[in-house]
């Protein structure tokens, strides 16, 4: 369980994406496994904004297993792809 309250995790992901620092990649990569699709989608967006190789790898790993359609769209957009 995350120490950040449920309703705030998506906001934290957006803030980290706006910060844009590679240091945020591990936390955002972990957020790709959150139980809430909203958190996973915002984490994907944030990783796309950061754009490091580590961010892209985390997105690619999650893309292979993500079940939520909106999150898949966010991952594809973050990777610069259109979802098929």
C-alpha atoms as a PDB file:
ATOM      1  CA  UNK A   1       0.000   0.000   0.000  1.00  0.00           C
ATOM      2  CA  UNK A   2       1.237   3.458  -0.873  1.00  0.00           C
ATOM      3  CA  UNK A   3       1.909   5.927   1.955  1.00  0.00           C
ATOM      4  CA  UNK A   4       0.287   8.606  -0.213  1.00  0.00           C
ATOM      5  CA  UNK A   5      -3.511   8.783   0.243  1.00  0.00           C
ATOM      6  CA  UNK A   6      -5.564   7.149  -2.484  1.00  0.00           C
ATOM      7  CA  UNK A   7      -7.043  10.382  -3.844  1.00  0.00           C
ATOM      8  CA  UNK A   8      -3.691  12.136  -4.101  1.00  0.00           C
ATOM      9  CA  UNK A   9      -1.540   9.573  -5.941  1.00  0.00           C
ATOM     10  CA  UNK A  10      -2.686  10.687  -9.386  1.00  0.00           C
ATOM     11  CA  UNK A  11      -1.917  14.316  -8.490  1.00  0.00           C
ATOM     12  CA  UNK A  12       1.559  13.323  -7.324  1.00  0.00           C
ATOM     13  CA  UNK A  13       2.182  11.582 -10.660  1.00  0.00           C
ATOM     14  CA  UNK A  14       1.165  14.731 -12.563  1.00  0.00           C
ATOM     15  CA  UNK A  15       3.369  16.897 -10.349  1.00  0.00           C
ATOM     16  CA  UNK A  16       6.351  14.601 -10.935  1.00  0.00           C
ATOM     17  CA  UNK A  17       5.732  14.748 -14.677  1.00  0.00           C
ATOM     18  CA  UNK A  18       5.619  18.525 -14.581  1.00  0.00           C
ATOM     19  CA  UNK A  19       8.858  18.500 -12.581  1.00  0.00           C
ATOM     20  CA  UNK A  20      10.372  16.414 -15.363  1.00  0.00           C
ATOM     21  CA  UNK A  21      13.369  15.128 -13.425  1.00  0.00           C
ATOM     22  CA  UNK A  22      14.797  11.678 -14.163  1.00  0.00           C
ATOM     23  CA  UNK A  23      14.969  11.090 -10.396  1.00  0.00           C
ATOM     24  CA  UNK A  24      11.181  10.646 -10.479  1.00  0.00           C
ATOM     25  CA  UNK A  25      11.311   7.648 -12.834  1.00  0.00           C
ATOM     26  CA  UNK A  26      11.527   4.908 -10.153  1.00  0.00           C
ATOM     27  CA  UNK A  27       8.506   6.253  -8.271  1.00  0.00           C
ATOM     28  CA  UNK A  28       6.510   6.706 -11.468  1.00  0.00           C
ATOM     29  CA  UNK A  29       7.484   3.258 -12.739  1.00  0.00           C
ATOM     30  CA  UNK A  30       6.170   1.828  -9.469  1.00  0.00           C
ATOM     31  CA  UNK A  31       2.954   3.816  -9.904  1.00  0.00           C
ATOM     32  CA  UNK A  32       2.354   1.985 -13.191  1.00  0.00           C
ATOM     33  CA  UNK A  33       1.421  -0.967 -10.954  1.00  0.00           C
ATOM     34  CA  UNK A  34      -1.083   0.985  -8.848  1.00  0.00           C
ATOM     35  CA  UNK A  35      -4.522  -0.577  -8.423  1.00  0.00           C
ATOM     36  CA  UNK A  36      -6.212   2.557  -9.793  1.00  0.00           C
ATOM     37  CA  UNK A  37      -6.243   3.152 -13.574  1.00  0.00           C
ATOM     38  CA  UNK A  38      -6.249   6.923 -13.018  1.00  0.00           C
ATOM     39  CA  UNK A  39      -2.939   6.693 -11.179  1.00  0.00           C
ATOM     40  CA  UNK A  40      -1.442   4.369 -13.810  1.00  0.00           C
ATOM     41  CA  UNK A  41      -2.537   6.657 -16.640  1.00  0.00           C
ATOM     42  CA  UNK A  42      -1.106   9.762 -15.023  1.00  0.00           C
ATOM     43  CA  UNK A  43       2.113   7.906 -14.260  1.00  0.00           C
ATOM     44  CA  UNK A  44       2.350   6.923 -17.932  1.00  0.00           C
ATOM     45  CA  UNK A  45       1.823  10.532 -18.988  1.00  0.00           C
ATOM     46  CA  UNK A  46       4.486  11.696 -16.544  1.00  0.00           C
ATOM     47  CA  UNK A  47       7.005   9.099 -17.723  1.00  0.00           C
ATOM     48  CA  UNK A  48       6.371  10.227 -21.282  1.00  0.00           C
ATOM     49  CA  UNK A  49       7.135  13.810 -20.284  1.00  0.00           C
ATOM     50  CA  UNK A  50      10.410  12.746 -18.671  1.00  0.00           C
ATOM     51  CA  UNK A  51      11.320  10.620 -21.674  1.00  0.00           C
ATOM     52  CA  UNK A  52      14.486   8.922 -20.451  1.00  0.00           C
ATOM     53  CA  UNK A  53      15.425   5.419 -21.540  1.00  0.00           C
ATOM     54  CA  UNK A  54      14.409   4.134 -18.115  1.00  0.00           C
ATOM     55  CA  UNK A  55      11.016   5.819 -18.456  1.00  0.00           C
ATOM     56  CA  UNK A  56      10.495   4.269 -21.892  1.00  0.00           C
ATOM     57  CA  UNK A  57      11.483   0.833 -20.608  1.00  0.00           C
ATOM     58  CA  UNK A  58       8.997   1.066 -17.737  1.00  0.00           C
ATOM     59  CA  UNK A  59       6.256   2.101 -20.146  1.00  0.00           C
ATOM     60  CA  UNK A  60       7.061  -0.724 -22.546  1.00  0.00           C
ATOM     61  CA  UNK A  61       6.995  -3.296 -19.747  1.00  0.00           C
ATOM     62  CA  UNK A  62       3.598  -2.067 -18.555  1.00  0.00           C
ATOM     63  CA  UNK A  63       2.168  -1.895 -22.081  1.00  0.00           C
ATOM     64  CA  UNK A  64       2.528  -5.655 -22.398  1.00  0.00           C
ATOM     65  CA  UNK A  65       0.227  -6.305 -19.422  1.00  0.00           C
ATOM     66  CA  UNK A  66      -2.078  -3.292 -19.082  1.00  0.00           C
ATOM     67  CA  UNK A  67      -5.761  -4.205 -19.312  1.00  0.00           C
ATOM     68  CA  UNK A  68      -7.384  -0.767 -19.019  1.00  0.00           C
ATOM     69  CA  UNK A  69      -8.066   0.831 -22.426  1.00  0.00           C
ATOM     70  CA  UNK A  70      -7.487   4.418 -21.277  1.00  0.00           C
ATOM     71  CA  UNK A  71      -4.202   3.527 -19.589  1.00  0.00           C
ATOM     72  CA  UNK A  72      -3.082   1.719 -22.769  1.00  0.00           C
ATOM     73  CA  UNK A  73      -3.839   4.913 -24.718  1.00  0.00           C
ATOM     74  CA  UNK A  74      -1.776   6.965 -22.265  1.00  0.00           C
ATOM     75  CA  UNK A  75       1.128   4.523 -22.517  1.00  0.00           C
ATOM     76  CA  UNK A  76       0.978   4.571 -26.317  1.00  0.00           C
ATOM     77  CA  UNK A  77       0.901   8.377 -26.344  1.00  0.00           C
ATOM     78  CA  UNK A  78       3.809   8.517 -23.898  1.00  0.00           C
ATOM     79  CA  UNK A  79       5.802   6.238 -26.172  1.00  0.00           C
ATOM     80  CA  UNK A  80       4.865   8.342 -29.190  1.00  0.00           C
ATOM     81  CA  UNK A  81       2.711   5.603 -30.697  1.00  0.00           C
ATOM     82  CA  UNK A  82      -0.899   5.288 -31.640  1.00  0.00           C
ATOM     83  CA  UNK A  83      -2.660   2.410 -29.962  1.00  0.00           C
ATOM     84  CA  UNK A  84      -3.883  -0.175 -32.436  1.00  0.00           C
END
